[in-house]
Every structure is written in structure tokens, then in C-alpha cells.
Amino acid sequence: MSEWISCKERLPKPSEYLGDVCEYYLVQNEYGDMMVAMYDGEGWFQIYARDYVDEIIVAWMPLPKEYKESEEK
């Protein structure tokens, strides 16, 4: 899994897409709460609330790759 990236250090590219899907990130606010959000260049948009995040986001990291069950048994 990736390491946390400070928002003071850098931000992700705005509205980066993987195919037809927007790139989402695991983000952490100033209180330590974590959520999944996208960055559009103006702010962080939380996917579950479907609204912009009101809190200050201090760090982010890419989401892990999707789980795929091994075909070897």
C-alpha cells in the first residue's frame, strides 16, 4: 500500500481519470477521520456524501488495487 502524501507537499492531478472512472483517493482530515474522495482542482469531493468536504484535508494516498481472488488453489 502507498504511503500518506502531505497536501502541503503536493496534491494529485485534478480530476484524473482511469478509463471512464475518476481517480479516487483515501484522504485524512485534520481530525484524523478518513474518507474516499476525488480532487477536482478546487477541492475534495467526497464520494459517499456526494458533496465537497468541509474539513481541511491534510493528507492523501492512492486507493489500493482491487481485490482479485487467486486462481491457484
PDB file of N, CA and C in Angstrom:
ATOM      1  N   MET A   1       0.835  -1.175   0.000  1.00  0.00           N
ATOM      2  CA  MET A   1       0.000   0.000   0.000  1.00  0.00           C
ATOM      3  C   MET A   1       0.887   1.247   0.000  1.00  0.00           C
ATOM      4  N   SER A   2       0.367   2.311  -0.510  1.00  0.00           N
ATOM      5  CA  SER A   2       1.106   3.562  -0.608  1.00  0.00           C
ATOM      6  C   SER A   2       1.268   4.227   0.755  1.00  0.00           C
ATOM      7  N   GLU A   3       2.158   5.180   0.801  1.00  0.00           N
ATOM      8  CA  GLU A   3       2.368   6.000   1.990  1.00  0.00           C
ATOM      9  C   GLU A   3       1.511   7.263   1.867  1.00  0.00           C
ATOM     10  N   TRP A   4       1.192   7.864   3.004  1.00  0.00           N
ATOM     11  CA  TRP A   4       0.451   9.121   3.007  1.00  0.00           C
ATOM     12  C   TRP A   4       1.291  10.215   2.363  1.00  0.00           C
ATOM     13  N   ILE A   5       0.622  11.095   1.616  1.00  0.00           N
ATOM     14  CA  ILE A   5       1.266  12.239   0.979  1.00  0.00           C
ATOM     15  C   ILE A   5       0.654  13.493   1.598  1.00  0.00           C
ATOM     16  N   SER A   6       1.484  14.361   2.121  1.00  0.00           N
ATOM     17  CA  SER A   6       1.004  15.593   2.731  1.00  0.00           C
ATOM     18  C   SER A   6       0.451  16.526   1.653  1.00  0.00           C
ATOM     19  N   CYS A   7      -0.686  17.152   1.929  1.00  0.00           N
ATOM     20  CA  CYS A   7      -1.249  18.127   0.993  1.00  0.00           C
ATOM     21  C   CYS A   7      -0.364  19.355   0.886  1.00  0.00           C
ATOM     22  N   LYS A   8       0.460  19.605   1.910  1.00  0.00           N
ATOM     23  CA  LYS A   8       1.423  20.718   1.833  1.00  0.00           C
ATOM     24  C   LYS A   8       2.527  20.384   0.838  1.00  0.00           C
ATOM     25  N   GLU A   9       2.843  19.074   0.713  1.00  0.00           N
ATOM     26  CA  GLU A   9       3.896  18.619  -0.194  1.00  0.00           C
ATOM     27  C   GLU A   9       3.425  18.682  -1.641  1.00  0.00           C
ATOM     28  N   ARG A  10       2.257  18.099  -1.904  1.00  0.00           N
ATOM     29  CA  ARG A  10       1.680  18.130  -3.259  1.00  0.00           C
ATOM     30  C   ARG A  10       0.258  17.601  -3.233  1.00  0.00           C
ATOM     31  N   LEU A  11      -0.473  17.912  -4.289  1.00  0.00           N
ATOM     32  CA  LEU A  11      -1.838  17.433  -4.469  1.00  0.00           C
ATOM     33  C   LEU A  11      -1.881  16.570  -5.727  1.00  0.00           C
ATOM     34  N   PRO A  12      -2.871  15.688  -5.838  1.00  0.00           N
ATOM     35  CA  PRO A  12      -2.966  14.901  -7.065  1.00  0.00           C
ATOM     36  C   PRO A  12      -3.377  15.776  -8.247  1.00  0.00           C
ATOM     37  N   LYS A  13      -3.197  15.257  -9.439  1.00  0.00           N
ATOM     38  CA  LYS A  13      -3.650  15.986 -10.628  1.00  0.00           C
ATOM     39  C   LYS A  13      -5.174  16.082 -10.562  1.00  0.00           C
ATOM     40  N   PRO A  14      -5.744  17.253 -10.854  1.00  0.00           N
ATOM     41  CA  PRO A  14      -7.194  17.414 -10.772  1.00  0.00           C
ATOM     42  C   PRO A  14      -7.958  16.475 -11.702  1.00  0.00           C
ATOM     43  N   SER A  15      -9.020  15.865 -11.160  1.00  0.00           N
ATOM     44  CA  SER A  15      -9.951  15.023 -11.922  1.00  0.00           C
ATOM     45  C   SER A  15      -9.255  14.044 -12.855  1.00  0.00           C
ATOM     46  N   GLU A  16      -8.251  13.359 -12.338  1.00  0.00           N
ATOM     47  CA  GLU A  16      -7.542  12.358 -13.118  1.00  0.00           C
ATOM     48  C   GLU A  16      -8.467  11.158 -13.340  1.00  0.00           C
ATOM     49  N   TYR A  17      -8.514  10.632 -14.552  1.00  0.00           N
ATOM     50  CA  TYR A  17      -9.416   9.522 -14.862  1.00  0.00           C
ATOM     51  C   TYR A  17      -8.642   8.258 -15.192  1.00  0.00           C
ATOM     52  N   LEU A  18      -9.196   7.124 -14.783  1.00  0.00           N
ATOM     53  CA  LEU A  18      -8.692   5.813 -15.167  1.00  0.00           C
ATOM     54  C   LEU A  18      -9.764   5.202 -16.055  1.00  0.00           C
ATOM     55  N   GLY A  19      -9.593   5.295 -17.351  1.00  0.00           N
ATOM     56  CA  GLY A  19     -10.651   4.865 -18.263  1.00  0.00           C
ATOM     57  C   GLY A  19     -11.823   5.823 -18.124  1.00  0.00           C
ATOM     58  N   ASP A  20     -13.015   5.289 -17.811  1.00  0.00           N
ATOM     59  CA  ASP A  20     -14.214   6.119 -17.645  1.00  0.00           C
ATOM     60  C   ASP A  20     -14.454   6.519 -16.196  1.00  0.00           C
ATOM     61  N   VAL A  21     -13.599   6.066 -15.285  1.00  0.00           N
ATOM     62  CA  VAL A  21     -13.817   6.287 -13.863  1.00  0.00           C
ATOM     63  C   VAL A  21     -12.826   7.317 -13.322  1.00  0.00           C
ATOM     64  N   CYS A  22     -13.334   8.245 -12.535  1.00  0.00           N
ATOM     65  CA  CYS A  22     -12.470   9.253 -11.928  1.00  0.00           C
ATOM     66  C   CYS A  22     -11.578   8.603 -10.885  1.00  0.00           C
ATOM     67  N   GLU A  23     -10.380   9.104 -10.724  1.00  0.00           N
ATOM     68  CA  GLU A  23      -9.435   8.589  -9.732  1.00  0.00           C
ATOM     69  C   GLU A  23      -9.854   9.058  -8.343  1.00  0.00           C
ATOM     70  N   TYR A  24     -10.055   8.110  -7.437  1.00  0.00           N
ATOM     71  CA  TYR A  24     -10.403   8.433  -6.053  1.00  0.00           C
ATOM     72  C   TYR A  24      -9.224   8.131  -5.147  1.00  0.00           C
ATOM     73  N   TYR A  25      -9.200   8.802  -4.003  1.00  0.00           N
ATOM     74  CA  TYR A  25      -8.104   8.676  -3.058  1.00  0.00           C
ATOM     75  C   TYR A  25      -8.645   8.477  -1.648  1.00  0.00           C
ATOM     76  N   LEU A  26      -7.831   7.863  -0.807  1.00  0.00           N
ATOM     77  CA  LEU A  26      -8.115   7.820   0.616  1.00  0.00           C
ATOM     78  C   LEU A  26      -7.528   9.106   1.179  1.00  0.00           C
ATOM     79  N   VAL A  27      -8.354   9.902   1.852  1.00  0.00           N
ATOM     80  CA  VAL A  27      -7.890  11.175   2.393  1.00  0.00           C
ATOM     81  C   VAL A  27      -8.120  11.214   3.898  1.00  0.00           C
ATOM     82  N   GLN A  28      -7.346  12.038   4.571  1.00  0.00           N
ATOM     83  CA  GLN A  28      -7.473  12.185   6.018  1.00  0.00           C
ATOM     84  C   GLN A  28      -7.633  13.663   6.346  1.00  0.00           C
ATOM     85  N   ASN A  29      -8.631  13.966   7.184  1.00  0.00           N
ATOM     86  CA  ASN A  29      -8.843  15.372   7.552  1.00  0.00           C
ATOM     87  C   ASN A  29      -8.027  15.740   8.779  1.00  0.00           C
ATOM     88  N   GLU A  30      -8.146  16.965   9.206  1.00  0.00           N
ATOM     89  CA  GLU A  30      -7.357  17.488  10.319  1.00  0.00           C
ATOM     90  C   GLU A  30      -7.660  16.802  11.648  1.00  0.00           C
ATOM     91  N   TYR A  31      -8.779  16.074  11.731  1.00  0.00           N
ATOM     92  CA  TYR A  31      -9.159  15.382  12.966  1.00  0.00           C
ATOM     93  C   TYR A  31      -8.778  13.901  12.952  1.00  0.00           C
ATOM     94  N   GLY A  32      -8.206  13.433  11.849  1.00  0.00           N
ATOM     95  CA  GLY A  32      -7.803  12.043  11.729  1.00  0.00           C
ATOM     96  C   GLY A  32      -8.846  11.156  11.068  1.00  0.00           C
ATOM     97  N   ASP A  33     -10.009  11.728  10.704  1.00  0.00           N
ATOM     98  CA  ASP A  33     -11.047  10.954  10.021  1.00  0.00           C
ATOM     99  C   ASP A  33     -10.602  10.672   8.589  1.00  0.00           C
ATOM    100  N   MET A  34     -10.930   9.477   8.095  1.00  0.00           N
ATOM    101  CA  MET A  34     -10.560   9.103   6.728  1.00  0.00           C
ATOM    102  C   MET A  34     -11.812   8.919   5.886  1.00  0.00           C
ATOM    103  N   MET A  35     -11.697   9.229   4.611  1.00  0.00           N
ATOM    104  CA  MET A  35     -12.810   9.084   3.673  1.00  0.00           C
ATOM    105  C   MET A  35     -12.253   8.904   2.266  1.00  0.00           C
ATOM    106  N   VAL A  36     -13.101   8.488   1.360  1.00  0.00           N
ATOM    107  CA  VAL A  36     -12.725   8.347  -0.046  1.00  0.00           C
ATOM    108  C   VAL A  36     -13.233   9.585  -0.778  1.00  0.00           C
ATOM    109  N   ALA A  37     -12.335  10.219  -1.538  1.00  0.00           N
ATOM    110  CA  ALA A  37     -12.694  11.462  -2.225  1.00  0.00           C
ATOM    111  C   ALA A  37     -11.893  11.605  -3.510  1.00  0.00           C
ATOM    112  N   MET A  38     -12.345  12.502  -4.366  1.00  0.00           N
ATOM    113  CA  MET A  38     -11.608  12.874  -5.571  1.00  0.00           C
ATOM    114  C   MET A  38     -11.194  14.335  -5.432  1.00  0.00           C
ATOM    115  N   TYR A  39     -10.159  14.724  -6.151  1.00  0.00           N
ATOM    116  CA  TYR A  39      -9.703  16.110  -6.128  1.00  0.00           C
ATOM    117  C   TYR A  39      -9.960  16.715  -7.500  1.00  0.00           C
ATOM    118  N   ASP A  40     -10.687  17.846  -7.545  1.00  0.00           N
ATOM    119  CA  ASP A  40     -11.024  18.447  -8.836  1.00  0.00           C
ATOM    120  C   ASP A  40     -10.283  19.747  -9.134  1.00  0.00           C
ATOM    121  N   GLY A  41      -9.268  20.058  -8.325  1.00  0.00           N
ATOM    122  CA  GLY A  41      -8.504  21.281  -8.539  1.00  0.00           C
ATOM    123  C   GLY A  41      -8.996  22.433  -7.678  1.00  0.00           C
ATOM    124  N   GLU A  42     -10.246  22.369  -7.234  1.00  0.00           N
ATOM    125  CA  GLU A  42     -10.802  23.410  -6.370  1.00  0.00           C
ATOM    126  C   GLU A  42     -11.069  22.890  -4.967  1.00  0.00           C
ATOM    127  N   GLY A  43     -11.122  21.583  -4.822  1.00  0.00           N
ATOM    128  CA  GLY A  43     -11.385  20.996  -3.516  1.00  0.00           C
ATOM    129  C   GLY A  43     -11.570  19.492  -3.619  1.00  0.00           C
ATOM    130  N   TRP A  44     -11.808  18.876  -2.469  1.00  0.00           N
ATOM    131  CA  TRP A  44     -12.011  17.432  -2.385  1.00  0.00           C
ATOM    132  C   TRP A  44     -13.505  17.147  -2.383  1.00  0.00           C
ATOM    133  N   PHE A  45     -13.950  16.208  -3.212  1.00  0.00           N
ATOM    134  CA  PHE A  45     -15.356  15.831  -3.340  1.00  0.00           C
ATOM    135  C   PHE A  45     -15.513  14.430  -2.772  1.00  0.00           C
ATOM    136  N   GLN A  46     -16.288  14.319  -1.695  1.00  0.00           N
ATOM    137  CA  GLN A  46     -16.466  13.026  -1.036  1.00  0.00           C
ATOM    138  C   GLN A  46     -17.490  12.186  -1.787  1.00  0.00           C
ATOM    139  N   ILE A  47     -17.141  10.957  -2.094  1.00  0.00           N
ATOM    140  CA  ILE A  47     -17.988  10.114  -2.919  1.00  0.00           C
ATOM    141  C   ILE A  47     -19.247   9.650  -2.200  1.00  0.00           C
ATOM    142  N   TYR A  48     -19.185   9.388  -0.894  1.00  0.00           N
ATOM    143  CA  TYR A  48     -20.372   8.883  -0.191  1.00  0.00           C
ATOM    144  C   TYR A  48     -21.382   9.989   0.086  1.00  0.00           C
ATOM    145  N   ALA A  49     -20.917  11.158   0.475  1.00  0.00           N
ATOM    146  CA  ALA A  49     -21.815  12.285   0.761  1.00  0.00           C
ATOM    147  C   ALA A  49     -22.228  12.998  -0.527  1.00  0.00           C
ATOM    148  N   ARG A  50     -21.502  12.726  -1.606  1.00  0.00           N
ATOM    149  CA  ARG A  50     -21.727  13.377  -2.892  1.00  0.00           C
ATOM    150  C   ARG A  50     -21.735  14.899  -2.758  1.00  0.00           C
ATOM    151  N   ASP A  51     -20.733  15.379  -2.024  1.00  0.00           N
ATOM    152  CA  ASP A  51     -20.596  16.810  -1.777  1.00  0.00           C
ATOM    153  C   ASP A  51     -19.134  17.124  -1.464  1.00  0.00           C
ATOM    154  N   TYR A  52     -18.816  18.404  -1.503  1.00  0.00           N
ATOM    155  CA  TYR A  52     -17.452  18.801  -1.168  1.00  0.00           C
ATOM    156  C   TYR A  52     -17.187  18.623   0.319  1.00  0.00           C
ATOM    157  N   VAL A  53     -15.963  18.283   0.650  1.00  0.00           N
ATOM    158  CA  VAL A  53     -15.542  18.070   2.033  1.00  0.00           C
ATOM    159  C   VAL A  53     -15.382  19.434   2.699  1.00  0.00           C
ATOM    160  N   ASP A  54     -16.019  19.610   3.863  1.00  0.00           N
ATOM    161  CA  ASP A  54     -15.937  20.875   4.591  1.00  0.00           C
ATOM    162  C   ASP A  54     -14.657  20.983   5.416  1.00  0.00           C
ATOM    163  N   GLU A  55     -14.151  19.835   5.884  1.00  0.00           N
ATOM    164  CA  GLU A  55     -12.958  19.846   6.732  1.00  0.00           C
ATOM    165  C   GLU A  55     -11.699  20.080   5.902  1.00  0.00           C
ATOM    166  N   ILE A  56     -10.626  20.407   6.584  1.00  0.00           N
ATOM    167  CA  ILE A  56      -9.330  20.587   5.925  1.00  0.00           C
ATOM    168  C   ILE A  56      -8.695  19.215   5.732  1.00  0.00           C
ATOM    169  N   ILE A  57      -8.398  18.863   4.493  1.00  0.00           N
ATOM    170  CA  ILE A  57      -7.728  17.599   4.190  1.00  0.00           C
ATOM    171  C   ILE A  57      -6.233  17.836   4.309  1.00  0.00           C
ATOM    172  N   VAL A  58      -5.570  17.005   5.122  1.00  0.00           N
ATOM    173  CA  VAL A  58      -4.146  17.205   5.379  1.00  0.00           C
ATOM    174  C   VAL A  58      -3.256  16.205   4.642  1.00  0.00           C
ATOM    175  N   ALA A  59      -3.827  15.042   4.263  1.00  0.00           N
ATOM    176  CA  ALA A  59      -3.011  14.026   3.590  1.00  0.00           C
ATOM    177  C   ALA A  59      -3.895  13.149   2.706  1.00  0.00           C
ATOM    178  N   TRP A  60      -3.267  12.516   1.725  1.00  0.00           N
ATOM    179  CA  TRP A  60      -3.988  11.642   0.802  1.00  0.00           C
ATOM    180  C   TRP A  60      -3.071  10.528   0.342  1.00  0.00           C
ATOM    181  N   MET A  61      -3.680   9.468  -0.208  1.00  0.00           N
ATOM    182  CA  MET A  61      -2.917   8.384  -0.829  1.00  0.00           C
ATOM    183  C   MET A  61      -3.814   7.694  -1.852  1.00  0.00           C
ATOM    184  N   PRO A  62      -3.202   7.105  -2.873  1.00  0.00           N
ATOM    185  CA  PRO A  62      -3.996   6.343  -3.839  1.00  0.00           C
ATOM    186  C   PRO A  62      -4.672   5.154  -3.150  1.00  0.00           C
ATOM    187  N   LEU A  63      -5.842   4.793  -3.634  1.00  0.00           N
ATOM    188  CA  LEU A  63      -6.509   3.599  -3.124  1.00  0.00           C
ATOM    189  C   LEU A  63      -5.731   2.364  -3.555  1.00  0.00           C
ATOM    190  N   PRO A  64      -5.801   1.282  -2.783  1.00  0.00           N
ATOM    191  CA  PRO A  64      -5.111   0.056  -3.194  1.00  0.00           C
ATOM    192  C   PRO A  64      -5.771  -0.529  -4.443  1.00  0.00           C
ATOM    193  N   LYS A  65      -5.057  -1.412  -5.109  1.00  0.00           N
ATOM    194  CA  LYS A  65      -5.615  -2.091  -6.277  1.00  0.00           C
ATOM    195  C   LYS A  65      -6.769  -2.972  -5.825  1.00  0.00           C
ATOM    196  N   GLU A  66      -7.730  -3.201  -6.728  1.00  0.00           N
ATOM    197  CA  GLU A  66      -8.903  -4.017  -6.391  1.00  0.00           C
ATOM    198  C   GLU A  66      -8.495  -5.465  -6.069  1.00  0.00           C
ATOM    199  N   TYR A  67      -9.272  -6.098  -5.237  1.00  0.00           N
ATOM    200  CA  TYR A  67      -9.020  -7.481  -4.840  1.00  0.00           C
ATOM    201  C   TYR A  67      -9.398  -8.415  -5.984  1.00  0.00           C
ATOM    202  N   LYS A  68      -8.533  -9.371  -6.262  1.00  0.00           N
ATOM    203  CA  LYS A  68      -8.826 -10.422  -7.239  1.00  0.00           C
ATOM    204  C   LYS A  68      -8.440 -11.741  -6.611  1.00  0.00           C
ATOM    205  N   GLU A  69      -9.380 -12.646  -6.565  1.00  0.00           N
ATOM    206  CA  GLU A  69      -9.122 -13.944  -5.967  1.00  0.00           C
ATOM    207  C   GLU A  69      -8.150 -14.727  -6.832  1.00  0.00           C
ATOM    208  N   SER A  70      -7.209 -15.365  -6.177  1.00  0.00           N
ATOM    209  CA  SER A  70      -6.200 -16.157  -6.887  1.00  0.00           C
ATOM    210  C   SER A  70      -6.851 -17.358  -7.533  1.00  0.00           C
ATOM    211  N   GLU A  71      -6.431 -17.662  -8.765  1.00  0.00           N
ATOM    212  CA  GLU A  71      -6.961 -18.833  -9.458  1.00  0.00           C
ATOM    213  C   GLU A  71      -6.225 -20.086  -9.049  1.00  0.00           C
ATOM    214  N   GLU A  72      -5.063 -19.939  -8.416  1.00  0.00           N
ATOM    215  CA  GLU A  72      -4.295 -21.100  -7.945  1.00  0.00           C
ATOM    216  C   GLU A  72      -4.879 -21.592  -6.634  1.00  0.00           C
ATOM    217  N   LYS A  73      -5.036 -22.887  -6.498  1.00  0.00           N
ATOM    218  CA  LYS A  73      -5.556 -23.458  -5.256  1.00  0.00           C
ATOM    219  C   LYS A  73      -4.710 -24.607  -4.818  1.00  0.00           C
TER     220      LYS A  73
END
